[in-house]
Amino acid sequence: MDILLSILSLLGFVALTASTGLFVAIEFALTGLERSTVDNHVREKGDRSALAVQRDYQNLSLVLSGAQLGITVTTLATGFLAEPILAKYFTPLLELVGLTAQASSAVALVLALIVATFLSMVFGELVPKNVAITMPLETARVVVHPVHVFNVVFKGFIHLMNRSANFIVRKLGIEPADELASARSSQELGSLVRSSAEQGGLDVNTAMVIGRSLQFGNATANEFMTPRATISYLGAEDTVDDLIALALETGHSRFPVARGDLDETVGVVHIKDAFSVPREARSTTTLGSLARKVPVLPDTLDGDAVLNAVRAAGSQVVLIADEYGGTAGLVTIEDVVEEILGEVYDEHDDADAEQDFQKFGSSWEVSGLVRIDDLSERVGYTAPSGPYETLGGLVMATLGRIPNVKDVLLLPEADRPGHAEFESGITGRWIARVTLMEDRRVDKVILTPITDEEAKGYL
């Protein structure tokens, strides 16, 4: 009779350990699933198991509470059954090695506790946890039915526990959720993209495009507009012949038309407008009569809103106004595309001359209009925060004056360690050499990384 009871107790221990595994598996499987995955599975399969998984996913708080109750109950029952039964097997063995009956009982109980805990942890928790994390949907389909039976039987008690917990959570100022949030922030998605690129799951170029697309909605018009200082424009009293001449000179097709300066912009003209004017009238037809009005947007507007405005504008151009009402720059559809894809060149562009970044050796020739955050991504130098947005502004702020060609300066150290997300891993001190100025604007700068020892010579 004792042997039969021992065998039944061992079988009970195995069954309880397996039951613990079911509750652990449903917990990790459901929390590892996305709502879209569950809904797609229902559409594809539509069977009883798929619907059961969807049902429990939509009542996640209650199911997880039931899983916690099941884990607690089965773990306690496992210990209650296993420890005395295992101790009976250990006691005779310990007496054989010379321990007294009293000592054997005490040591056997401790050994039984250790073995029971080990087996329960490994087979009841760790193994099902790892399986559920690896195959969440497949695991959920298997375990959802027996767990649901338990939740139905103890539904009243689970509701009581869940409501008690929710009451306490609400008192802490947090609203409980019955379902996992499926949405991901752009920062989380960006982190996933970088991780995928680093592990080879995504091509580097694809990862860059996705990363830029995610960042685009957080960018402002001020960050990717063509700045005022680089805009070629025409006067309202200029003629169609002047439009043709400027188009031939710059290779551009659209130009703002202003009365005096860009703060008094009256509209935009396209080179196609010249073809609508008879040849003999081109020298007398003024552009003020041809200019079409374009939207004016604040420079703080986000990228998505700017894109919609550019697409809606008949000229595919919008003007950007600063906080004082003056014209800060303009945004074209090309600016938007380049913000996502990087530099785009056509047959009229000098690709080598217009590249913002050109590397030679360990140095970089960089446009003075490059934004500070782009320096971090492409070159590896992370600038400290300050009253500037571009490399040219950083150089001016560091020198404390308008730079001259051949000025060399030690760039300030970053507020945080430099990082290069996809292209460069160089960090440390940097020197900047001004190689080209356009009036009072820094046009080209050569950046060179140096050691801390070399940096002392520039202090």
Protein backbone atom coordinates (compact mmCIF):
# COMPACT_ATOMS: atom_id res chain seq x y z
CA MET A 1 0.00 0.00 0.00
CA ASP A 2 2.84 2.38 0.86
CA ILE A 3 4.49 1.65 -2.50
CA LEU A 4 1.25 2.41 -4.34
CA LEU A 5 0.82 5.69 -2.45
CA SER A 6 4.42 6.64 -3.25
CA ILE A 7 3.92 5.93 -6.94
CA LEU A 8 0.68 7.90 -6.99
CA SER A 9 2.38 10.78 -5.18
CA LEU A 10 5.21 10.82 -7.74
CA LEU A 11 2.68 10.79 -10.58
CA GLY A 12 0.87 13.64 -8.86
CA PHE A 13 4.15 15.54 -8.63
CA VAL A 14 4.69 15.09 -12.38
CA ALA A 15 1.13 16.16 -13.17
CA LEU A 16 1.36 19.25 -10.98
CA THR A 17 4.70 20.22 -12.51
CA ALA A 18 3.16 19.89 -15.98
CA SER A 19 0.22 22.01 -14.82
CA THR A 20 2.60 24.72 -13.64
CA GLY A 21 4.18 24.57 -17.09
CA LEU A 22 0.79 25.17 -18.73
CA PHE A 23 0.19 28.36 -16.75
CA VAL A 24 3.74 29.63 -17.32
CA ALA A 25 3.44 28.87 -21.03
CA ILE A 26 0.14 30.74 -21.48
CA GLU A 27 1.53 33.74 -19.61
CA PHE A 28 4.65 34.11 -21.77
CA ALA A 29 2.91 33.09 -25.00
CA LEU A 30 0.15 35.70 -24.76
CA THR A 31 2.47 38.51 -23.68
CA GLY A 32 4.80 37.65 -26.56
CA LEU A 33 2.10 38.02 -29.21
CA GLU A 34 1.11 41.12 -31.19
CA ARG A 35 -2.54 41.92 -31.78
CA SER A 36 -1.97 41.90 -35.54
CA THR A 37 -0.47 38.40 -35.32
CA VAL A 38 -3.48 37.10 -33.40
CA ASP A 39 -6.01 38.74 -35.76
CA ASN A 40 -4.19 37.50 -38.87
CA HIS A 41 -4.10 33.99 -37.43
CA VAL A 42 -7.87 34.07 -36.91
CA ARG A 43 -8.40 35.20 -40.50
CA GLU A 44 -6.08 32.51 -41.85
CA LYS A 45 -7.12 29.58 -39.64
CA GLY A 46 -10.43 30.52 -38.08
CA ASP A 47 -10.51 27.29 -36.06
CA ARG A 48 -11.44 26.76 -32.44
CA SER A 49 -7.89 27.19 -31.15
CA ALA A 50 -7.31 30.43 -33.07
CA LEU A 51 -10.56 31.90 -31.72
CA ALA A 52 -9.65 30.77 -28.19
CA VAL A 53 -6.28 32.51 -28.41
CA GLN A 54 -7.97 35.70 -29.63
CA ARG A 55 -10.53 35.49 -26.80
CA ASP A 56 -7.87 35.14 -24.10
CA TYR A 57 -5.67 37.83 -25.71
CA GLN A 58 -8.58 40.26 -25.53
CA ASN A 59 -9.06 39.41 -21.83
CA LEU A 60 -5.39 39.43 -20.99
CA SER A 61 -5.62 40.87 -17.51
CA LEU A 62 -8.04 38.17 -16.36
CA VAL A 63 -6.10 35.35 -18.03
CA LEU A 64 -2.80 36.47 -16.52
CA SER A 65 -4.42 36.66 -13.09
CA GLY A 66 -5.67 33.09 -13.56
CA ALA A 67 -2.18 32.02 -14.66
CA GLN A 68 -0.65 33.52 -11.53
CA LEU A 69 -3.22 31.75 -9.36
CA GLY A 70 -2.57 28.46 -11.19
CA ILE A 71 1.21 28.79 -10.80
CA THR A 72 0.87 29.52 -7.09
CA VAL A 73 -1.55 26.66 -6.39
CA THR A 74 0.32 24.03 -8.38
CA THR A 75 3.71 25.08 -6.98
CA LEU A 76 2.46 24.84 -3.40
CA ALA A 77 0.81 21.48 -4.10
CA THR A 78 3.98 20.22 -5.76
CA GLY A 79 6.02 21.06 -2.68
CA PHE A 80 3.42 19.51 -0.38
CA LEU A 81 3.48 16.22 -2.32
CA ALA A 82 7.08 15.94 -3.43
CA GLU A 83 9.08 16.84 -0.36
CA PRO A 84 7.86 14.08 2.02
CA ILE A 85 7.82 11.43 -0.74
CA LEU A 86 11.37 12.26 -1.91
CA ALA A 87 12.51 12.41 1.71
CA LYS A 88 11.39 8.79 2.17
CA TYR A 89 13.73 7.71 -0.64
CA PHE A 90 16.68 9.74 0.66
CA THR A 91 16.41 8.66 4.33
CA PRO A 92 17.49 4.99 3.86
CA LEU A 93 20.39 6.05 1.63
CA LEU A 94 21.63 8.53 4.21
CA GLU A 95 21.39 5.92 6.98
CA LEU A 96 23.51 3.58 4.86
CA VAL A 97 26.32 6.16 4.78
CA GLY A 98 26.36 6.29 8.57
CA LEU A 99 24.01 9.09 9.59
CA THR A 100 21.72 8.62 12.57
CA ALA A 101 17.98 8.26 12.04
CA GLN A 102 17.31 11.76 13.34
CA ALA A 103 20.04 13.34 11.21
CA SER A 104 19.00 11.33 8.16
CA SER A 105 15.43 12.64 8.40
CA ALA A 106 16.56 16.26 8.63
CA VAL A 107 19.08 16.00 5.78
CA ALA A 108 16.63 14.01 3.63
CA LEU A 109 14.00 16.76 4.02
CA VAL A 110 16.49 19.42 2.91
CA LEU A 111 17.62 17.33 -0.09
CA ALA A 112 14.00 16.64 -1.02
CA LEU A 113 13.24 20.39 -0.92
CA ILE A 114 16.22 21.16 -3.17
CA VAL A 115 15.41 18.43 -5.71
CA ALA A 116 11.69 19.26 -5.78
CA THR A 117 12.42 22.96 -6.27
CA PHE A 118 14.98 22.23 -8.99
CA LEU A 119 12.64 19.93 -10.92
CA SER A 120 9.71 22.31 -10.53
CA MET A 121 11.76 25.31 -11.68
CA VAL A 122 13.33 23.58 -14.69
CA PHE A 123 10.39 21.53 -16.00
CA GLY A 124 7.54 23.60 -14.60
CA GLU A 125 8.81 27.12 -15.40
CA LEU A 126 12.05 27.51 -17.38
CA VAL A 127 11.40 24.94 -20.11
CA PRO A 128 7.82 26.11 -20.87
CA LYS A 129 8.93 29.74 -20.64
CA ASN A 130 11.65 29.25 -23.26
CA VAL A 131 9.32 27.29 -25.53
CA ALA A 132 6.62 29.99 -25.25
CA ILE A 133 9.07 32.81 -26.00
CA THR A 134 10.40 30.93 -29.04
CA MET A 135 7.02 29.84 -30.43
CA PRO A 136 4.34 32.03 -28.79
CA LEU A 137 1.50 31.37 -31.23
CA GLU A 138 2.01 27.61 -31.46
CA THR A 139 2.34 27.36 -27.68
CA ALA A 140 -0.79 29.43 -27.07
CA ARG A 141 -2.82 27.18 -29.37
CA VAL A 142 -1.81 24.10 -27.34
CA VAL A 143 -2.23 25.39 -23.80
CA VAL A 144 -5.17 27.78 -24.19
CA HIS A 145 -7.91 25.14 -23.78
CA PRO A 146 -6.82 23.45 -20.49
CA VAL A 147 -5.98 26.84 -18.97
CA HIS A 148 -9.41 28.15 -19.97
CA VAL A 149 -11.06 25.27 -18.10
CA PHE A 150 -9.18 26.26 -14.94
CA ASN A 151 -10.15 29.94 -15.42
CA VAL A 152 -13.83 29.01 -15.81
CA VAL A 153 -13.83 26.87 -12.65
CA PHE A 154 -12.12 29.56 -10.55
CA LYS A 155 -13.62 32.52 -12.40
CA GLY A 156 -15.20 34.07 -9.32
CA PHE A 157 -12.03 33.97 -7.24
CA ILE A 158 -9.90 35.24 -10.17
CA HIS A 159 -12.29 38.17 -10.68
CA LEU A 160 -12.07 38.99 -6.98
CA MET A 161 -8.25 39.00 -7.06
CA ASN A 162 -8.16 40.96 -10.31
CA ARG A 163 -10.55 43.63 -9.06
CA SER A 164 -8.62 43.96 -5.84
CA ALA A 165 -5.38 44.41 -7.75
CA ASN A 166 -6.98 46.90 -10.16
CA PHE A 167 -8.36 48.90 -7.24
CA ILE A 168 -4.88 49.22 -5.76
CA VAL A 169 -3.34 50.08 -9.14
CA ARG A 170 -5.94 52.83 -9.72
CA LYS A 171 -5.17 54.25 -6.28
CA LEU A 172 -1.56 54.56 -7.50
CA GLY A 173 -2.81 56.70 -10.40
CA ILE A 174 -2.46 54.04 -13.11
CA GLU A 175 -5.32 52.81 -15.28
CA PRO A 176 -5.08 49.01 -15.72
CA ALA A 177 -5.13 47.62 -19.27
CA ASP A 178 -6.94 44.47 -20.30
CA GLU A 179 -4.83 44.13 -23.44
CA LEU A 180 -1.21 44.72 -24.37
CA ALA A 181 -0.55 47.86 -26.37
CA SER A 182 0.29 46.88 -29.94
CA ALA A 183 1.43 50.30 -31.08
CA ARG A 184 5.13 51.13 -31.08
CA SER A 185 6.71 54.55 -30.89
CA SER A 186 9.05 55.74 -33.63
CA GLN A 187 11.93 55.44 -31.15
CA GLU A 188 11.09 51.79 -30.47
CA LEU A 189 10.75 51.03 -34.17
CA GLY A 190 14.03 52.83 -34.86
CA SER A 191 15.75 50.72 -32.23
CA LEU A 192 14.34 47.56 -33.84
CA VAL A 193 15.61 48.69 -37.25
CA ARG A 194 19.12 49.37 -35.91
CA SER A 195 19.18 46.04 -34.12
CA SER A 196 18.05 44.22 -37.27
CA ALA A 197 20.73 45.95 -39.33
CA GLU A 198 23.46 45.12 -36.81
CA GLN A 199 22.44 41.45 -36.77
CA GLY A 200 22.15 41.20 -40.55
CA GLY A 201 18.38 40.96 -40.69
CA LEU A 202 18.14 44.15 -42.78
CA ASP A 203 20.37 45.53 -45.49
CA VAL A 204 22.23 48.63 -44.22
CA ASN A 205 20.81 50.88 -46.96
CA THR A 206 17.29 49.61 -46.30
CA ALA A 207 17.75 50.22 -42.59
CA MET A 208 18.92 53.78 -43.29
CA VAL A 209 15.82 54.54 -45.39
CA ILE A 210 13.48 53.05 -42.78
CA GLY A 211 15.29 54.92 -40.01
CA ARG A 212 15.07 58.23 -41.88
CA SER A 213 11.38 57.61 -42.61
CA LEU A 214 10.64 57.04 -38.93
CA GLN A 215 12.53 60.20 -37.96
CA PHE A 216 10.85 62.30 -40.66
CA GLY A 217 7.60 62.76 -38.76
CA ASN A 218 9.55 64.11 -35.76
CA ALA A 219 11.61 66.52 -37.88
CA THR A 220 10.52 70.14 -38.32
CA ALA A 221 10.43 72.24 -41.47
CA ASN A 222 13.36 74.24 -40.13
CA GLU A 223 15.52 71.13 -40.17
CA PHE A 224 15.18 70.09 -43.81
CA MET A 225 14.24 73.29 -45.64
CA THR A 226 16.53 74.97 -48.15
CA PRO A 227 17.80 77.89 -46.04
CA ARG A 228 17.24 81.46 -47.17
CA ALA A 229 20.93 82.16 -47.74
CA THR A 230 21.13 79.54 -50.50
CA ILE A 231 17.91 80.42 -52.37
CA SER A 232 18.18 81.85 -55.87
CA TYR A 233 15.26 84.21 -56.46
CA LEU A 234 14.02 86.84 -58.89
CA GLY A 235 12.43 90.24 -58.49
CA ALA A 236 8.83 90.99 -59.37
CA GLU A 237 10.07 93.49 -61.99
CA ASP A 238 12.45 90.99 -63.60
CA THR A 239 11.45 89.65 -66.97
CA VAL A 240 10.95 86.22 -68.50
CA ASP A 241 14.39 86.57 -70.10
CA ASP A 242 15.85 86.91 -66.59
CA LEU A 243 14.02 83.72 -65.57
CA ILE A 244 15.51 81.79 -68.51
CA ALA A 245 19.01 83.13 -67.77
CA LEU A 246 18.84 82.16 -64.07
CA ALA A 247 17.51 78.70 -64.93
CA LEU A 248 20.44 78.16 -67.31
CA GLU A 249 22.89 79.39 -64.66
CA THR A 250 21.61 77.36 -61.70
CA GLY A 251 19.96 74.33 -63.31
CA HIS A 252 16.86 74.93 -61.18
CA SER A 253 13.36 75.09 -62.59
CA ARG A 254 11.40 76.93 -59.85
CA PHE A 255 12.23 80.31 -58.33
CA PRO A 256 10.57 82.56 -55.74
CA VAL A 257 9.58 86.00 -56.98
CA ALA A 258 9.98 88.80 -54.44
CA ARG A 259 9.51 92.53 -54.15
CA GLY A 260 12.82 93.66 -52.74
CA ASP A 261 13.83 90.60 -50.69
CA LEU A 262 12.44 87.18 -49.75
CA ASP A 263 10.43 88.61 -46.86
CA GLU A 264 8.15 90.10 -49.54
CA THR A 265 7.76 87.00 -51.68
CA VAL A 266 4.80 87.29 -54.03
CA GLY A 267 4.88 83.75 -55.42
CA VAL A 268 6.83 81.20 -57.43
CA VAL A 269 7.51 80.86 -61.16
CA HIS A 270 8.49 77.77 -63.14
CA ILE A 271 10.69 77.70 -66.21
CA LYS A 272 7.68 76.27 -68.08
CA ASP A 273 6.00 79.65 -67.59
CA ALA A 274 8.53 81.12 -70.00
CA PHE A 275 7.17 78.95 -72.81
CA SER A 276 3.69 80.41 -72.36
CA VAL A 277 5.02 83.86 -73.28
CA PRO A 278 5.73 84.67 -76.95
CA ARG A 279 9.42 85.11 -77.69
CA GLU A 280 9.06 88.75 -78.67
CA ALA A 281 7.31 89.54 -75.35
CA ARG A 282 9.76 87.81 -73.00
CA SER A 283 11.93 90.87 -72.52
CA THR A 284 8.99 93.00 -71.42
CA THR A 285 6.79 90.55 -69.50
CA THR A 286 7.48 90.86 -65.77
CA LEU A 287 7.51 87.88 -63.45
CA GLY A 288 5.19 89.53 -60.95
CA SER A 289 2.34 88.91 -63.38
CA LEU A 290 3.26 85.21 -63.77
CA ALA A 291 4.04 84.31 -60.16
CA ARG A 292 1.65 81.88 -58.44
CA LYS A 293 1.04 82.16 -54.73
CA VAL A 294 2.33 79.32 -52.55
CA PRO A 295 1.52 78.30 -48.96
CA VAL A 296 3.55 79.78 -46.12
CA LEU A 297 4.20 77.44 -43.20
CA PRO A 298 5.81 78.01 -39.78
CA ASP A 299 9.30 76.57 -39.38
CA THR A 300 8.16 74.51 -36.38
CA LEU A 301 5.65 72.43 -38.39
CA ASP A 302 6.39 68.69 -38.37
CA GLY A 303 7.56 66.74 -41.41
CA ASP A 304 4.26 64.98 -42.12
CA ALA A 305 2.34 68.26 -42.22
CA VAL A 306 4.96 69.86 -44.47
CA LEU A 307 4.84 66.88 -46.85
CA ASN A 308 1.06 67.17 -47.15
CA ALA A 309 1.36 70.91 -47.84
CA VAL A 310 4.05 70.40 -50.49
CA ARG A 311 1.99 67.73 -52.23
CA ALA A 312 -1.11 69.94 -52.14
CA ALA A 313 0.71 73.02 -53.51
CA GLY A 314 0.36 73.30 -57.27
CA SER A 315 3.98 74.43 -57.55
CA GLN A 316 5.31 71.69 -55.22
CA VAL A 317 7.00 74.45 -53.21
CA VAL A 318 6.11 75.98 -49.84
CA LEU A 319 7.71 78.92 -48.11
CA ILE A 320 8.87 78.58 -44.49
CA ALA A 321 8.41 81.52 -42.13
CA ASP A 322 10.33 82.09 -38.91
CA GLU A 323 8.82 83.23 -35.62
CA TYR A 324 9.21 86.89 -36.64
CA GLY A 325 7.26 86.43 -39.87
CA GLY A 326 10.25 86.64 -42.17
CA THR A 327 11.10 84.05 -44.82
CA ALA A 328 13.44 81.45 -43.31
CA GLY A 329 13.65 79.22 -46.39
CA LEU A 330 11.60 77.02 -48.65
CA VAL A 331 10.76 73.35 -48.97
CA THR A 332 10.40 71.51 -52.26
CA ILE A 333 9.38 67.95 -52.96
CA GLU A 334 13.09 67.25 -53.58
CA ASP A 335 13.94 68.41 -50.03
CA VAL A 336 11.35 65.99 -48.65
CA VAL A 337 12.65 63.08 -50.74
CA GLU A 338 16.26 63.81 -49.75
CA GLU A 339 15.29 63.91 -46.09
CA ILE A 340 14.19 60.27 -46.42
CA LEU A 341 16.46 58.84 -49.11
CA GLY A 342 19.54 61.03 -48.82
CA GLU A 343 20.99 63.20 -51.57
CA VAL A 344 19.31 62.88 -54.96
CA TYR A 345 21.03 64.22 -58.07
CA ASP A 346 19.78 64.83 -61.60
CA GLU A 347 21.61 65.55 -64.87
CA HIS A 348 21.91 69.25 -63.99
CA ASP A 349 23.57 68.66 -60.62
CA ASP A 350 27.29 68.46 -60.01
CA ALA A 351 27.12 65.43 -57.73
CA ASP A 352 30.73 65.74 -56.52
CA ALA A 353 30.46 69.45 -55.77
CA GLU A 354 27.06 69.19 -54.09
CA GLN A 355 27.77 66.20 -51.85
CA ASP A 356 27.33 67.13 -48.21
CA PHE A 357 29.83 64.48 -47.10
CA GLN A 358 33.00 63.40 -48.90
CA LYS A 359 35.50 61.17 -47.12
CA PHE A 360 39.22 61.03 -47.82
CA GLY A 361 41.41 59.03 -45.46
CA SER A 362 40.20 59.62 -41.92
CA SER A 363 38.97 63.15 -42.74
CA TRP A 364 35.64 64.37 -44.09
CA GLU A 365 34.83 67.38 -46.25
CA VAL A 366 31.42 68.49 -45.03
CA SER A 367 29.01 71.18 -46.13
CA GLY A 368 28.56 73.99 -43.63
CA LEU A 369 24.78 73.57 -43.99
CA VAL A 370 24.82 70.00 -42.64
CA ARG A 371 22.71 69.60 -39.52
CA ILE A 372 24.43 68.69 -36.27
CA ASP A 373 22.48 65.43 -35.85
CA ASP A 374 23.58 64.32 -39.33
CA LEU A 375 27.21 64.78 -38.27
CA SER A 376 26.68 62.27 -35.51
CA GLU A 377 25.13 59.70 -37.84
CA ARG A 378 27.53 60.05 -40.77
CA VAL A 379 30.87 61.23 -39.38
CA GLY A 380 30.79 60.14 -35.77
CA TYR A 381 31.23 63.54 -34.12
CA THR A 382 28.46 64.47 -31.68
CA ALA A 383 28.34 68.18 -30.94
CA PRO A 384 27.24 69.63 -27.59
CA SER A 385 23.93 71.44 -27.50
CA GLY A 386 24.10 75.13 -28.28
CA PRO A 387 22.55 78.07 -30.18
CA TYR A 388 23.18 76.49 -33.58
CA GLU A 389 21.69 73.86 -35.86
CA THR A 390 24.34 73.45 -38.57
CA LEU A 391 28.06 72.76 -38.77
CA GLY A 392 28.59 76.33 -39.97
CA GLY A 393 26.76 77.64 -36.92
CA LEU A 394 28.88 75.44 -34.65
CA VAL A 395 32.09 76.80 -36.23
CA MET A 396 30.90 80.41 -35.81
CA ALA A 397 29.84 79.81 -32.20
CA THR A 398 33.18 78.19 -31.37
CA LEU A 399 35.28 80.96 -33.01
CA GLY A 400 33.06 83.75 -31.73
CA ARG A 401 33.26 85.56 -35.08
CA ILE A 402 32.67 85.16 -38.81
CA PRO A 403 35.18 82.54 -39.95
CA ASN A 404 37.87 83.06 -42.55
CA VAL A 405 39.16 80.54 -45.06
CA LYS A 406 42.00 78.44 -43.52
CA ASP A 407 40.72 78.96 -39.95
CA VAL A 408 41.47 75.84 -37.88
CA LEU A 409 39.70 75.17 -34.59
CA LEU A 410 39.26 72.40 -32.06
CA LEU A 411 35.60 71.44 -31.92
CA PRO A 412 34.04 71.26 -28.44
CA GLU A 413 33.59 67.91 -26.79
CA ALA A 414 30.18 66.28 -26.96
CA ASP A 415 27.68 66.21 -24.11
CA ARG A 416 27.44 62.43 -24.56
CA PRO A 417 29.59 59.78 -26.24
CA GLY A 418 29.57 60.11 -30.03
CA HIS A 419 27.86 57.40 -32.00
CA ALA A 420 27.40 56.49 -35.64
CA GLU A 421 24.28 54.46 -36.25
CA PHE A 422 25.13 52.90 -39.60
CA GLU A 423 28.16 54.40 -41.32
CA SER A 424 30.94 55.36 -38.96
CA GLY A 425 32.34 54.30 -35.65
CA ILE A 426 34.88 57.11 -35.14
CA THR A 427 34.49 59.10 -31.95
CA GLY A 428 36.75 61.46 -29.98
CA ARG A 429 38.17 64.99 -30.46
CA TRP A 430 37.88 66.66 -33.83
CA ILE A 431 39.41 69.67 -35.55
CA ALA A 432 37.65 71.71 -38.22
CA ARG A 433 39.40 73.52 -41.07
CA VAL A 434 37.33 76.10 -43.00
CA THR A 435 38.07 75.66 -46.71
CA LEU A 436 35.34 77.70 -48.43
CA MET A 437 33.16 80.66 -47.50
CA GLU A 438 30.19 82.07 -49.39
CA ASP A 439 29.93 85.70 -48.26
CA ARG A 440 29.48 85.33 -44.50
CA ARG A 441 28.28 81.71 -44.66
CA VAL A 442 30.52 78.72 -44.02
CA ASP A 443 30.30 76.62 -47.19
CA LYS A 444 32.85 73.81 -46.74
CA VAL A 445 34.70 72.45 -43.70
CA ILE A 446 37.19 69.61 -43.38
CA LEU A 447 36.73 67.57 -40.18
CA THR A 448 39.62 65.44 -38.92
CA PRO A 449 39.64 63.17 -35.85
CA ILE A 450 42.62 63.58 -33.54
CA THR A 451 43.87 62.02 -30.32
CA ASP A 452 43.52 63.66 -26.92
CA GLU A 453 47.28 64.28 -26.93
CA GLU A 454 47.08 66.06 -30.27
CA ALA A 455 44.11 68.08 -29.05
CA LYS A 456 46.27 69.72 -26.35
CA GLY A 457 48.13 71.62 -29.08
CA TYR A 458 44.90 73.41 -30.06
CA LEU A 459 43.89 74.49 -26.56
